[in-house]
Amino acid sequence: MDVAGAVRVYGYNALWRATGARRAGRALINALGAPDEELQVLAGIFLVRGADKAEPLLEEALARRKHLPEVITILADIGNPKYKPEFRRLADDADPAVADAARDALRVLEARQEAPASS
């Protein structure tokens, strides 16, 4: 793992979570495209944990087609069904990685919907 990169990602997360600084949140989105896969995973975990705060940033990345497979996966992990229409559209995307991520996201959202509510 790129230790310096990990320190930056942790710092961006701390700043974003504490202050809501969109620039720091966008840095987490940018880390989804890092050459180091562990940094991508770390940024993804932080974005999923930030759920409500992350959604506007993820929607922005979705609209810009930035790191689409990762963004789609994170939105599915957050679990908001409002993204189903967008995922259905992207399931036919010309980029196979995007289309696969969108189909997987639809399966995740369907599974969440079908799961019995825990008591």
PDB file of N, CA and C in Angstrom:
ATOM      1  N   MET A   1       0.843  -1.191   0.000  1.00  0.00           N
ATOM      2  CA  MET A   1       0.000   0.000   0.000  1.00  0.00           C
ATOM      3  C   MET A   1       0.876   1.238   0.000  1.00  0.00           C
ATOM      4  N   ASP A   2       0.438   2.221  -0.705  1.00  0.00           N
ATOM      5  CA  ASP A   2       1.082   3.525  -0.744  1.00  0.00           C
ATOM      6  C   ASP A   2       0.770   4.234   0.579  1.00  0.00           C
ATOM      7  N   VAL A   3       1.726   4.208   1.501  1.00  0.00           N
ATOM      8  CA  VAL A   3       1.490   4.753   2.843  1.00  0.00           C
ATOM      9  C   VAL A   3       1.194   6.248   2.797  1.00  0.00           C
ATOM     10  N   ALA A   4       1.946   6.986   2.014  1.00  0.00           N
ATOM     11  CA  ALA A   4       1.698   8.434   1.914  1.00  0.00           C
ATOM     12  C   ALA A   4       0.306   8.689   1.335  1.00  0.00           C
ATOM     13  N   GLY A   5      -0.079   7.901   0.353  1.00  0.00           N
ATOM     14  CA  GLY A   5      -1.412   8.028  -0.224  1.00  0.00           C
ATOM     15  C   GLY A   5      -2.492   7.705   0.795  1.00  0.00           C
ATOM     16  N   ALA A   6      -2.260   6.681   1.595  1.00  0.00           N
ATOM     17  CA  ALA A   6      -3.233   6.303   2.626  1.00  0.00           C
ATOM     18  C   ALA A   6      -3.381   7.419   3.653  1.00  0.00           C
ATOM     19  N   VAL A   7      -2.279   8.031   4.038  1.00  0.00           N
ATOM     20  CA  VAL A   7      -2.334   9.137   4.994  1.00  0.00           C
ATOM     21  C   VAL A   7      -3.157  10.288   4.405  1.00  0.00           C
ATOM     22  N   ARG A   8      -2.947  10.572   3.120  1.00  0.00           N
ATOM     23  CA  ARG A   8      -3.729  11.635   2.465  1.00  0.00           C
ATOM     24  C   ARG A   8      -5.219  11.285   2.459  1.00  0.00           C
ATOM     25  N   VAL A   9      -5.544  10.035   2.110  1.00  0.00           N
ATOM     26  CA  VAL A   9      -6.954   9.632   2.052  1.00  0.00           C
ATOM     27  C   VAL A   9      -7.584   9.716   3.447  1.00  0.00           C
ATOM     28  N   TYR A  10      -6.874   9.274   4.478  1.00  0.00           N
ATOM     29  CA  TYR A  10      -7.391   9.406   5.847  1.00  0.00           C
ATOM     30  C   TYR A  10      -7.584  10.873   6.201  1.00  0.00           C
ATOM     31  N   GLY A  11      -6.641  11.715   5.805  1.00  0.00           N
ATOM     32  CA  GLY A  11      -6.755  13.147   6.092  1.00  0.00           C
ATOM     33  C   GLY A  11      -7.936  13.782   5.375  1.00  0.00           C
ATOM     34  N   TYR A  12      -8.108  13.439   4.097  1.00  0.00           N
ATOM     35  CA  TYR A  12      -9.260  13.955   3.356  1.00  0.00           C
ATOM     36  C   TYR A  12     -10.559  13.527   4.026  1.00  0.00           C
ATOM     37  N   ASN A  13     -10.599  12.264   4.441  1.00  0.00           N
ATOM     38  CA  ASN A  13     -11.815  11.768   5.091  1.00  0.00           C
ATOM     39  C   ASN A  13     -12.089  12.521   6.387  1.00  0.00           C
ATOM     40  N   ALA A  14     -11.063  12.708   7.196  1.00  0.00           N
ATOM     41  CA  ALA A  14     -11.246  13.408   8.471  1.00  0.00           C
ATOM     42  C   ALA A  14     -11.744  14.835   8.233  1.00  0.00           C
ATOM     43  N   LEU A  15     -11.135  15.516   7.288  1.00  0.00           N
ATOM     44  CA  LEU A  15     -11.538  16.887   6.981  1.00  0.00           C
ATOM     45  C   LEU A  15     -12.964  16.929   6.437  1.00  0.00           C
ATOM     46  N   TRP A  16     -13.269  16.034   5.513  1.00  0.00           N
ATOM     47  CA  TRP A  16     -14.609  15.975   4.913  1.00  0.00           C
ATOM     48  C   TRP A  16     -15.663  15.658   5.950  1.00  0.00           C
ATOM     49  N   ARG A  17     -15.419  14.664   6.795  1.00  0.00           N
ATOM     50  CA  ARG A  17     -16.415  14.273   7.793  1.00  0.00           C
ATOM     51  C   ARG A  17     -16.604  15.358   8.856  1.00  0.00           C
ATOM     52  N   ALA A  18     -15.509  16.020   9.231  1.00  0.00           N
ATOM     53  CA  ALA A  18     -15.592  17.028  10.293  1.00  0.00           C
ATOM     54  C   ALA A  18     -16.191  18.341   9.812  1.00  0.00           C
ATOM     55  N   THR A  19     -15.856  18.737   8.574  1.00  0.00           N
ATOM     56  CA  THR A  19     -16.259  20.071   8.125  1.00  0.00           C
ATOM     57  C   THR A  19     -17.233  20.059   6.952  1.00  0.00           C
ATOM     58  N   GLY A  20     -17.338  18.913   6.275  1.00  0.00           N
ATOM     59  CA  GLY A  20     -18.178  18.853   5.079  1.00  0.00           C
ATOM     60  C   GLY A  20     -17.527  19.503   3.871  1.00  0.00           C
ATOM     61  N   ALA A  21     -16.215  19.748   3.946  1.00  0.00           N
ATOM     62  CA  ALA A  21     -15.496  20.405   2.848  1.00  0.00           C
ATOM     63  C   ALA A  21     -15.622  19.572   1.572  1.00  0.00           C
ATOM     64  N   ARG A  22     -16.308  20.139   0.586  1.00  0.00           N
ATOM     65  CA  ARG A  22     -16.543  19.399  -0.670  1.00  0.00           C
ATOM     66  C   ARG A  22     -15.232  19.081  -1.384  1.00  0.00           C
ATOM     67  N   ARG A  23     -14.268  19.942  -1.248  1.00  0.00           N
ATOM     68  CA  ARG A  23     -12.970  19.685  -1.888  1.00  0.00           C
ATOM     69  C   ARG A  23     -12.338  18.412  -1.340  1.00  0.00           C
ATOM     70  N   ALA A  24     -12.437  18.213  -0.045  1.00  0.00           N
ATOM     71  CA  ALA A  24     -11.899  16.995   0.568  1.00  0.00           C
ATOM     72  C   ALA A  24     -12.718  15.781   0.137  1.00  0.00           C
ATOM     73  N   GLY A  25     -14.029  15.945   0.039  1.00  0.00           N
ATOM     74  CA  GLY A  25     -14.884  14.858  -0.425  1.00  0.00           C
ATOM     75  C   GLY A  25     -14.583  14.495  -1.865  1.00  0.00           C
ATOM     76  N   ARG A  26     -14.341  15.506  -2.687  1.00  0.00           N
ATOM     77  CA  ARG A  26     -13.979  15.250  -4.088  1.00  0.00           C
ATOM     78  C   ARG A  26     -12.625  14.546  -4.180  1.00  0.00           C
ATOM     79  N   ALA A  27     -11.742  14.833  -3.242  1.00  0.00           N
ATOM     80  CA  ALA A  27     -10.450  14.137  -3.221  1.00  0.00           C
ATOM     81  C   ALA A  27     -10.666  12.645  -2.955  1.00  0.00           C
ATOM     82  N   LEU A  28     -11.659  12.304  -2.140  1.00  0.00           N
ATOM     83  CA  LEU A  28     -11.988  10.890  -1.931  1.00  0.00           C
ATOM     84  C   LEU A  28     -12.521  10.272  -3.217  1.00  0.00           C
ATOM     85  N   ILE A  29     -13.359  11.016  -3.934  1.00  0.00           N
ATOM     86  CA  ILE A  29     -13.855  10.536  -5.230  1.00  0.00           C
ATOM     87  C   ILE A  29     -12.671  10.309  -6.172  1.00  0.00           C
ATOM     88  N   ASN A  30     -11.740  11.247  -6.212  1.00  0.00           N
ATOM     89  CA  ASN A  30     -10.567  11.117  -7.077  1.00  0.00           C
ATOM     90  C   ASN A  30      -9.721   9.903  -6.694  1.00  0.00           C
ATOM     91  N   ALA A  31      -9.674   9.582  -5.407  1.00  0.00           N
ATOM     92  CA  ALA A  31      -8.897   8.430  -4.943  1.00  0.00           C
ATOM     93  C   ALA A  31      -9.472   7.113  -5.464  1.00  0.00           C
ATOM     94  N   LEU A  32     -10.728   7.134  -5.912  1.00  0.00           N
ATOM     95  CA  LEU A  32     -11.311   5.921  -6.499  1.00  0.00           C
ATOM     96  C   LEU A  32     -10.591   5.529  -7.785  1.00  0.00           C
ATOM     97  N   GLY A  33      -9.863   6.457  -8.364  1.00  0.00           N
ATOM     98  CA  GLY A  33      -9.102   6.179  -9.575  1.00  0.00           C
ATOM     99  C   GLY A  33      -7.607   6.030  -9.321  1.00  0.00           C
ATOM    100  N   ALA A  34      -7.213   5.899  -8.065  1.00  0.00           N
ATOM    101  CA  ALA A  34      -5.796   5.763  -7.729  1.00  0.00           C
ATOM    102  C   ALA A  34      -5.229   4.470  -8.321  1.00  0.00           C
ATOM    103  N   PRO A  35      -3.958   4.479  -8.696  1.00  0.00           N
ATOM    104  CA  PRO A  35      -3.353   3.264  -9.225  1.00  0.00           C
ATOM    105  C   PRO A  35      -3.270   2.148  -8.177  1.00  0.00           C
ATOM    106  N   ASP A  36      -3.235   2.521  -6.909  1.00  0.00           N
ATOM    107  CA  ASP A  36      -3.172   1.555  -5.813  1.00  0.00           C
ATOM    108  C   ASP A  36      -4.599   1.139  -5.442  1.00  0.00           C
ATOM    109  N   GLU A  37      -4.912  -0.129  -5.674  1.00  0.00           N
ATOM    110  CA  GLU A  37      -6.269  -0.625  -5.423  1.00  0.00           C
ATOM    111  C   GLU A  37      -6.664  -0.500  -3.948  1.00  0.00           C
ATOM    112  N   GLU A  38      -5.703  -0.626  -3.060  1.00  0.00           N
ATOM    113  CA  GLU A  38      -6.017  -0.492  -1.630  1.00  0.00           C
ATOM    114  C   GLU A  38      -6.480   0.919  -1.287  1.00  0.00           C
ATOM    115  N   LEU A  39      -5.925   1.921  -1.958  1.00  0.00           N
ATOM    116  CA  LEU A  39      -6.381   3.303  -1.755  1.00  0.00           C
ATOM    117  C   LEU A  39      -7.799   3.475  -2.283  1.00  0.00           C
ATOM    118  N   GLN A  40      -8.089   2.836  -3.407  1.00  0.00           N
ATOM    119  CA  GLN A  40      -9.448   2.878  -3.958  1.00  0.00           C
ATOM    120  C   GLN A  40     -10.445   2.294  -2.954  1.00  0.00           C
ATOM    121  N   VAL A  41     -10.089   1.146  -2.390  1.00  0.00           N
ATOM    122  CA  VAL A  41     -10.978   0.488  -1.424  1.00  0.00           C
ATOM    123  C   VAL A  41     -11.159   1.369  -0.199  1.00  0.00           C
ATOM    124  N   LEU A  42     -10.080   1.948   0.297  1.00  0.00           N
ATOM    125  CA  LEU A  42     -10.145   2.811   1.474  1.00  0.00           C
ATOM    126  C   LEU A  42     -11.065   4.004   1.219  1.00  0.00           C
ATOM    127  N   ALA A  43     -10.897   4.649   0.079  1.00  0.00           N
ATOM    128  CA  ALA A  43     -11.764   5.788  -0.263  1.00  0.00           C
ATOM    129  C   ALA A  43     -13.213   5.327  -0.369  1.00  0.00           C
ATOM    130  N   GLY A  44     -13.438   4.176  -0.981  1.00  0.00           N
ATOM    131  CA  GLY A  44     -14.795   3.645  -1.109  1.00  0.00           C
ATOM    132  C   GLY A  44     -15.441   3.384   0.232  1.00  0.00           C
ATOM    133  N   ILE A  45     -14.689   2.818   1.143  1.00  0.00           N
ATOM    134  CA  ILE A  45     -15.213   2.557   2.501  1.00  0.00           C
ATOM    135  C   ILE A  45     -15.617   3.871   3.163  1.00  0.00           C
ATOM    136  N   PHE A  46     -14.759   4.870   3.063  1.00  0.00           N
ATOM    137  CA  PHE A  46     -15.070   6.162   3.680  1.00  0.00           C
ATOM    138  C   PHE A  46     -16.318   6.782   3.059  1.00  0.00           C
ATOM    139  N   LEU A  47     -16.473   6.655   1.752  1.00  0.00           N
ATOM    140  CA  LEU A  47     -17.651   7.224   1.091  1.00  0.00           C
ATOM    141  C   LEU A  47     -18.918   6.479   1.486  1.00  0.00           C
ATOM    142  N   VAL A  48     -18.858   5.168   1.582  1.00  0.00           N
ATOM    143  CA  VAL A  48     -20.034   4.403   2.013  1.00  0.00           C
ATOM    144  C   VAL A  48     -20.401   4.789   3.442  1.00  0.00           C
ATOM    145  N   ARG A  49     -19.419   4.915   4.294  1.00  0.00           N
ATOM    146  CA  ARG A  49     -19.693   5.302   5.689  1.00  0.00           C
ATOM    147  C   ARG A  49     -20.274   6.709   5.778  1.00  0.00           C
ATOM    148  N   GLY A  50     -19.929   7.551   4.821  1.00  0.00           N
ATOM    149  CA  GLY A  50     -20.439   8.921   4.816  1.00  0.00           C
ATOM    150  C   GLY A  50     -21.787   9.066   4.148  1.00  0.00           C
ATOM    151  N   ALA A  51     -22.332   7.967   3.669  1.00  0.00           N
ATOM    152  CA  ALA A  51     -23.613   7.827   2.976  1.00  0.00           C
ATOM    153  C   ALA A  51     -24.300   9.135   2.566  1.00  0.00           C
ATOM    154  N   ASP A  52     -25.088   9.719   3.454  1.00  0.00           N
ATOM    155  CA  ASP A  52     -25.884  10.902   3.104  1.00  0.00           C
ATOM    156  C   ASP A  52     -25.015  12.066   2.640  1.00  0.00           C
ATOM    157  N   LYS A  53     -23.889  12.244   3.295  1.00  0.00           N
ATOM    158  CA  LYS A  53     -22.979  13.330   2.924  1.00  0.00           C
ATOM    159  C   LYS A  53     -22.289  13.013   1.594  1.00  0.00           C
ATOM    160  N   ALA A  54     -22.099  11.733   1.307  1.00  0.00           N
ATOM    161  CA  ALA A  54     -21.387  11.321   0.090  1.00  0.00           C
ATOM    162  C   ALA A  54     -22.274  11.360  -1.154  1.00  0.00           C
ATOM    163  N   GLU A  55     -23.563  11.171  -0.981  1.00  0.00           N
ATOM    164  CA  GLU A  55     -24.441  11.051  -2.151  1.00  0.00           C
ATOM    165  C   GLU A  55     -24.337  12.228  -3.124  1.00  0.00           C
ATOM    166  N   PRO A  56     -24.341  13.481  -2.680  1.00  0.00           N
ATOM    167  CA  PRO A  56     -24.209  14.572  -3.660  1.00  0.00           C
ATOM    168  C   PRO A  56     -22.898  14.504  -4.451  1.00  0.00           C
ATOM    169  N   LEU A  57     -21.817  14.119  -3.784  1.00  0.00           N
ATOM    170  CA  LEU A  57     -20.531  13.995  -4.469  1.00  0.00           C
ATOM    171  C   LEU A  57     -20.555  12.837  -5.465  1.00  0.00           C
ATOM    172  N   LEU A  58     -21.175  11.737  -5.063  1.00  0.00           N
ATOM    173  CA  LEU A  58     -21.276  10.576  -5.937  1.00  0.00           C
ATOM    174  C   LEU A  58     -22.187  10.860  -7.127  1.00  0.00           C
ATOM    175  N   GLU A  59     -23.253  11.607  -6.895  1.00  0.00           N
ATOM    176  CA  GLU A  59     -24.147  11.995  -7.994  1.00  0.00           C
ATOM    177  C   GLU A  59     -23.401  12.877  -9.000  1.00  0.00           C
ATOM    178  N   GLU A  60     -22.583  13.768  -8.486  1.00  0.00           N
ATOM    179  CA  GLU A  60     -21.770  14.632  -9.346  1.00  0.00           C
ATOM    180  C   GLU A  60     -20.809  13.778 -10.187  1.00  0.00           C
ATOM    181  N   ALA A  61     -20.165  12.805  -9.555  1.00  0.00           N
ATOM    182  CA  ALA A  61     -19.245  11.914 -10.271  1.00  0.00           C
ATOM    183  C   ALA A  61     -20.002  11.073 -11.297  1.00  0.00           C
ATOM    184  N   LEU A  62     -21.198  10.641 -10.946  1.00  0.00           N
ATOM    185  CA  LEU A  62     -22.038   9.864 -11.858  1.00  0.00           C
ATOM    186  C   LEU A  62     -22.366  10.694 -13.100  1.00  0.00           C
ATOM    187  N   ALA A  63     -22.758  11.937 -12.891  1.00  0.00           N
ATOM    188  CA  ALA A  63     -23.103  12.820 -14.006  1.00  0.00           C
ATOM    189  C   ALA A  63     -21.898  13.099 -14.905  1.00  0.00           C
ATOM    190  N   ARG A  64     -20.720  13.138 -14.306  1.00  0.00           N
ATOM    191  CA  ARG A  64     -19.493  13.401 -15.074  1.00  0.00           C
ATOM    192  C   ARG A  64     -18.844  12.131 -15.608  1.00  0.00           C
ATOM    193  N   ARG A  65     -19.458  10.974 -15.276  1.00  0.00           N
ATOM    194  CA  ARG A  65     -18.935   9.663 -15.678  1.00  0.00           C
ATOM    195  C   ARG A  65     -17.516   9.456 -15.151  1.00  0.00           C
ATOM    196  N   LYS A  66     -17.299   9.889 -13.928  1.00  0.00           N
ATOM    197  CA  LYS A  66     -15.985   9.789 -13.311  1.00  0.00           C
ATOM    198  C   LYS A  66     -15.926   8.543 -12.428  1.00  0.00           C
ATOM    199  N   HIS A  67     -15.010   7.649 -12.734  1.00  0.00           N
ATOM    200  CA  HIS A  67     -14.824   6.407 -11.963  1.00  0.00           C
ATOM    201  C   HIS A  67     -16.150   5.658 -11.816  1.00  0.00           C
ATOM    202  N   LEU A  68     -16.867   5.551 -12.921  1.00  0.00           N
ATOM    203  CA  LEU A  68     -18.236   5.017 -12.890  1.00  0.00           C
ATOM    204  C   LEU A  68     -18.392   3.650 -12.229  1.00  0.00           C
ATOM    205  N   PRO A  69     -17.601   2.646 -12.563  1.00  0.00           N
ATOM    206  CA  PRO A  69     -17.839   1.359 -11.906  1.00  0.00           C
ATOM    207  C   PRO A  69     -17.758   1.455 -10.379  1.00  0.00           C
ATOM    208  N   GLU A  70     -16.779   2.198  -9.899  1.00  0.00           N
ATOM    209  CA  GLU A  70     -16.609   2.344  -8.450  1.00  0.00           C
ATOM    210  C   GLU A  70     -17.755   3.162  -7.846  1.00  0.00           C
ATOM    211  N   VAL A  71     -18.128   4.251  -8.506  1.00  0.00           N
ATOM    212  CA  VAL A  71     -19.209   5.112  -8.008  1.00  0.00           C
ATOM    213  C   VAL A  71     -20.525   4.331  -7.956  1.00  0.00           C
ATOM    214  N   ILE A  72     -20.803   3.567  -8.995  1.00  0.00           N
ATOM    215  CA  ILE A  72     -22.025   2.760  -9.025  1.00  0.00           C
ATOM    216  C   ILE A  72     -22.035   1.766  -7.882  1.00  0.00           C
ATOM    217  N   THR A  73     -20.920   1.102  -7.665  1.00  0.00           N
ATOM    218  CA  THR A  73     -20.822   0.119  -6.588  1.00  0.00           C
ATOM    219  C   THR A  73     -21.049   0.767  -5.226  1.00  0.00           C
ATOM    220  N   ILE A  74     -20.473   1.927  -5.013  1.00  0.00           N
ATOM    221  CA  ILE A  74     -20.628   2.627  -3.730  1.00  0.00           C
ATOM    222  C   ILE A  74     -22.081   3.048  -3.532  1.00  0.00           C
ATOM    223  N   LEU A  75     -22.705   3.579  -4.577  1.00  0.00           N
ATOM    224  CA  LEU A  75     -24.113   3.965  -4.453  1.00  0.00           C
ATOM    225  C   LEU A  75     -24.986   2.753  -4.139  1.00  0.00           C
ATOM    226  N   ALA A  76     -24.677   1.619  -4.737  1.00  0.00           N
ATOM    227  CA  ALA A  76     -25.433   0.396  -4.423  1.00  0.00           C
ATOM    228  C   ALA A  76     -25.209  -0.006  -2.967  1.00  0.00           C
ATOM    229  N   ASP A  77     -23.980   0.114  -2.492  1.00  0.00           N
ATOM    230  CA  ASP A  77     -23.682  -0.230  -1.096  1.00  0.00           C
ATOM    231  C   ASP A  77     -24.410   0.705  -0.136  1.00  0.00           C
ATOM    232  N   ILE A  78     -24.555   1.956  -0.511  1.00  0.00           N
ATOM    233  CA  ILE A  78     -25.310   2.891   0.327  1.00  0.00           C
ATOM    234  C   ILE A  78     -26.772   2.452   0.376  1.00  0.00           C
ATOM    235  N   GLY A  79     -27.278   1.959  -0.755  1.00  0.00           N
ATOM    236  CA  GLY A  79     -28.586   1.307  -0.757  1.00  0.00           C
ATOM    237  C   GLY A  79     -29.803   2.149  -1.044  1.00  0.00           C
ATOM    238  N   ASN A  80     -29.631   3.339  -1.568  1.00  0.00           N
ATOM    239  CA  ASN A  80     -30.785   4.178  -1.866  1.00  0.00           C
ATOM    240  C   ASN A  80     -31.410   3.725  -3.192  1.00  0.00           C
ATOM    241  N   PRO A  81     -32.666   3.263  -3.169  1.00  0.00           N
ATOM    242  CA  PRO A  81     -33.286   2.753  -4.389  1.00  0.00           C
ATOM    243  C   PRO A  81     -33.570   3.821  -5.447  1.00  0.00           C
ATOM    244  N   LYS A  82     -33.393   5.092  -5.128  1.00  0.00           N
ATOM    245  CA  LYS A  82     -33.667   6.141  -6.121  1.00  0.00           C
ATOM    246  C   LYS A  82     -32.725   6.058  -7.319  1.00  0.00           C
ATOM    247  N   TYR A  83     -31.634   5.308  -7.197  1.00  0.00           N
ATOM    248  CA  TYR A  83     -30.676   5.198  -8.295  1.00  0.00           C
ATOM    249  C   TYR A  83     -31.006   4.073  -9.266  1.00  0.00           C
ATOM    250  N   LYS A  84     -32.050   3.305  -8.985  1.00  0.00           N
ATOM    251  CA  LYS A  84     -32.401   2.187  -9.873  1.00  0.00           C
ATOM    252  C   LYS A  84     -32.586   2.610 -11.329  1.00  0.00           C
ATOM    253  N   PRO A  85     -33.334   3.677 -11.618  1.00  0.00           N
ATOM    254  CA  PRO A  85     -33.490   4.059 -13.037  1.00  0.00           C
ATOM    255  C   PRO A  85     -32.149   4.362 -13.724  1.00  0.00           C
ATOM    256  N   GLU A  86     -31.272   5.015 -13.009  1.00  0.00           N
ATOM    257  CA  GLU A  86     -29.955   5.330 -13.580  1.00  0.00           C
ATOM    258  C   GLU A  86     -29.151   4.045 -13.789  1.00  0.00           C
ATOM    259  N   PHE A  87     -29.226   3.132 -12.826  1.00  0.00           N
ATOM    260  CA  PHE A  87     -28.506   1.869 -12.969  1.00  0.00           C
ATOM    261  C   PHE A  87     -29.063   1.057 -14.136  1.00  0.00           C
ATOM    262  N   ARG A  88     -30.379   1.089 -14.309  1.00  0.00           N
ATOM    263  CA  ARG A  88     -30.985   0.369 -15.447  1.00  0.00           C
ATOM    264  C   ARG A  88     -30.462   0.941 -16.769  1.00  0.00           C
ATOM    265  N   ARG A  89     -30.376   2.259 -16.840  1.00  0.00           N
ATOM    266  CA  ARG A  89     -29.857   2.899 -18.050  1.00  0.00           C
ATOM    267  C   ARG A  89     -28.395   2.509 -18.283  1.00  0.00           C
ATOM    268  N   LEU A  90     -27.619   2.511 -17.223  1.00  0.00           N
ATOM    269  CA  LEU A  90     -26.193   2.208 -17.341  1.00  0.00           C
ATOM    270  C   LEU A  90     -25.921   0.720 -17.574  1.00  0.00           C
ATOM    271  N   ALA A  91     -26.897  -0.125 -17.299  1.00  0.00           N
ATOM    272  CA  ALA A  91     -26.724  -1.562 -17.526  1.00  0.00           C
ATOM    273  C   ALA A  91     -26.507  -1.872 -19.003  1.00  0.00           C
ATOM    274  N   ASP A  92     -26.859  -0.948 -19.879  1.00  0.00           N
ATOM    275  CA  ASP A  92     -26.653  -1.118 -21.320  1.00  0.00           C
ATOM    276  C   ASP A  92     -25.513  -0.237 -21.837  1.00  0.00           C
ATOM    277  N   ASP A  93     -24.672   0.244 -20.948  1.00  0.00           N
ATOM    278  CA  ASP A  93     -23.584   1.142 -21.332  1.00  0.00           C
ATOM    279  C   ASP A  93     -22.596   0.425 -22.258  1.00  0.00           C
ATOM    280  N   ALA A  94     -21.980   1.184 -23.148  1.00  0.00           N
ATOM    281  CA  ALA A  94     -21.000   0.629 -24.082  1.00  0.00           C
ATOM    282  C   ALA A  94     -19.745   0.121 -23.372  1.00  0.00           C
ATOM    283  N   ASP A  95     -19.436   0.692 -22.213  1.00  0.00           N
ATOM    284  CA  ASP A  95     -18.272   0.250 -21.438  1.00  0.00           C
ATOM    285  C   ASP A  95     -18.694  -0.974 -20.623  1.00  0.00           C
ATOM    286  N   PRO A  96     -18.105  -2.138 -20.879  1.00  0.00           N
ATOM    287  CA  PRO A  96     -18.519  -3.356 -20.177  1.00  0.00           C
ATOM    288  C   PRO A  96     -18.354  -3.273 -18.657  1.00  0.00           C
ATOM    289  N   ALA A  97     -17.339  -2.567 -18.182  1.00  0.00           N
ATOM    290  CA  ALA A  97     -17.145  -2.440 -16.736  1.00  0.00           C
ATOM    291  C   ALA A  97     -18.284  -1.650 -16.098  1.00  0.00           C
ATOM    292  N   VAL A  98     -18.731  -0.617 -16.789  1.00  0.00           N
ATOM    293  CA  VAL A  98     -19.851   0.199 -16.300  1.00  0.00           C
ATOM    294  C   VAL A  98     -21.133  -0.628 -16.324  1.00  0.00           C
ATOM    295  N   ALA A  99     -21.380  -1.306 -17.434  1.00  0.00           N
ATOM    296  CA  ALA A  99     -22.591  -2.122 -17.566  1.00  0.00           C
ATOM    297  C   ALA A  99     -22.624  -3.222 -16.507  1.00  0.00           C
ATOM    298  N   ASP A 100     -21.503  -3.887 -16.277  1.00  0.00           N
ATOM    299  CA  ASP A 100     -21.444  -4.944 -15.255  1.00  0.00           C
ATOM    300  C   ASP A 100     -21.704  -4.380 -13.860  1.00  0.00           C
ATOM    301  N   ALA A 101     -21.075  -3.236 -13.556  1.00  0.00           N
ATOM    302  CA  ALA A 101     -21.277  -2.610 -12.248  1.00  0.00           C
ATOM    303  C   ALA A 101     -22.737  -2.217 -12.056  1.00  0.00           C
ATOM    304  N   ALA A 102     -23.368  -1.712 -13.094  1.00  0.00           N
ATOM    305  CA  ALA A 102     -24.775  -1.303 -13.002  1.00  0.00           C
ATOM    306  C   ALA A 102     -25.679  -2.514 -12.780  1.00  0.00           C
ATOM    307  N   ARG A 103     -25.423  -3.605 -13.497  1.00  0.00           N
ATOM    308  CA  ARG A 103     -26.233  -4.818 -13.295  1.00  0.00           C
ATOM    309  C   ARG A 103     -26.036  -5.375 -11.888  1.00  0.00           C
ATOM    310  N   ASP A 104     -24.793  -5.375 -11.420  1.00  0.00           N
ATOM    311  CA  ASP A 104     -24.527  -5.823 -10.047  1.00  0.00           C
ATOM    312  C   ASP A 104     -25.237  -4.927  -9.037  1.00  0.00           C
ATOM    313  N   ALA A 105     -25.216  -3.626  -9.280  1.00  0.00           N
ATOM    314  CA  ALA A 105     -25.871  -2.675  -8.374  1.00  0.00           C
ATOM    315  C   ALA A 105     -27.370  -2.933  -8.314  1.00  0.00           C
ATOM    316  N   LEU A 106     -27.975  -3.223  -9.445  1.00  0.00           N
ATOM    317  CA  LEU A 106     -29.411  -3.532  -9.460  1.00  0.00           C
ATOM    318  C   LEU A 106     -29.699  -4.789  -8.642  1.00  0.00           C
ATOM    319  N   ARG A 107     -28.828  -5.797  -8.760  1.00  0.00           N
ATOM    320  CA  ARG A 107     -29.008  -7.019  -7.959  1.00  0.00           C
ATOM    321  C   ARG A 107     -28.887  -6.725  -6.466  1.00  0.00           C
ATOM    322  N   VAL A 108     -27.928  -5.883  -6.105  1.00  0.00           N
ATOM    323  CA  VAL A 108     -27.743  -5.518  -4.694  1.00  0.00           C
ATOM    324  C   VAL A 108     -28.986  -4.809  -4.167  1.00  0.00           C
ATOM    325  N   LEU A 109     -29.485  -3.843  -4.915  1.00  0.00           N
ATOM    326  CA  LEU A 109     -30.669  -3.101  -4.468  1.00  0.00           C
ATOM    327  C   LEU A 109     -31.889  -4.014  -4.382  1.00  0.00           C
ATOM    328  N   GLU A 110     -32.044  -4.921  -5.338  1.00  0.00           N
ATOM    329  CA  GLU A 110     -33.161  -5.864  -5.290  1.00  0.00           C
ATOM    330  C   GLU A 110     -33.053  -6.767  -4.069  1.00  0.00           C
ATOM    331  N   ALA A 111     -31.862  -7.266  -3.796  1.00  0.00           N
ATOM    332  CA  ALA A 111     -31.655  -8.141  -2.637  1.00  0.00           C
ATOM    333  C   ALA A 111     -31.977  -7.401  -1.338  1.00  0.00           C
ATOM    334  N   ARG A 112     -31.601  -6.154  -1.249  1.00  0.00           N
ATOM    335  CA  ARG A 112     -31.900  -5.362  -0.049  1.00  0.00           C
ATOM    336  C   ARG A 112     -33.395  -5.176   0.116  1.00  0.00           C
ATOM    337  N   GLN A 113     -34.084  -4.981  -1.005  1.00  0.00           N
ATOM    338  CA  GLN A 113     -35.522  -4.770  -0.971  1.00  0.00           C
ATOM    339  C   GLN A 113     -36.252  -6.047  -0.538  1.00  0.00           C
ATOM    340  N   GLU A 114     -35.737  -7.195  -0.990  1.00  0.00           N
ATOM    341  CA  GLU A 114     -36.378  -8.468  -0.700  1.00  0.00           C
ATOM    342  C   GLU A 114     -36.045  -9.000   0.688  1.00  0.00           C
ATOM    343  N   ALA A 115     -34.956  -8.537   1.268  1.00  0.00           N
ATOM    344  CA  ALA A 115     -34.541  -9.033   2.591  1.00  0.00           C
ATOM    345  C   ALA A 115     -35.562  -8.622   3.640  1.00  0.00           C
ATOM    346  N   PRO A 116     -35.915  -9.560   4.508  1.00  0.00           N
ATOM    347  CA  PRO A 116     -36.857  -9.194   5.576  1.00  0.00           C
ATOM    348  C   PRO A 116     -36.231  -8.190   6.525  1.00  0.00           C
ATOM    349  N   ALA A 117     -37.044  -7.278   6.970  1.00  0.00           N
ATOM    350  CA  ALA A 117     -36.560  -6.261   7.918  1.00  0.00           C
ATOM    351  C   ALA A 117     -36.187  -6.945   9.228  1.00  0.00           C
ATOM    352  N   SER A 118     -35.016  -6.591   9.749  1.00  0.00           N
ATOM    353  CA  SER A 118     -34.605  -7.190  11.023  1.00  0.00           C
ATOM    354  C   SER A 118     -35.311  -6.499  12.162  1.00  0.00           C
ATOM    355  N   SER A 119     -35.590  -7.285  13.191  1.00  0.00           N
ATOM    356  CA  SER A 119     -36.343  -6.711  14.315  1.00  0.00           C
ATOM    357  C   SER A 119     -35.479  -6.309  15.445  1.00  0.00           C
TER     358      SER A 119
END
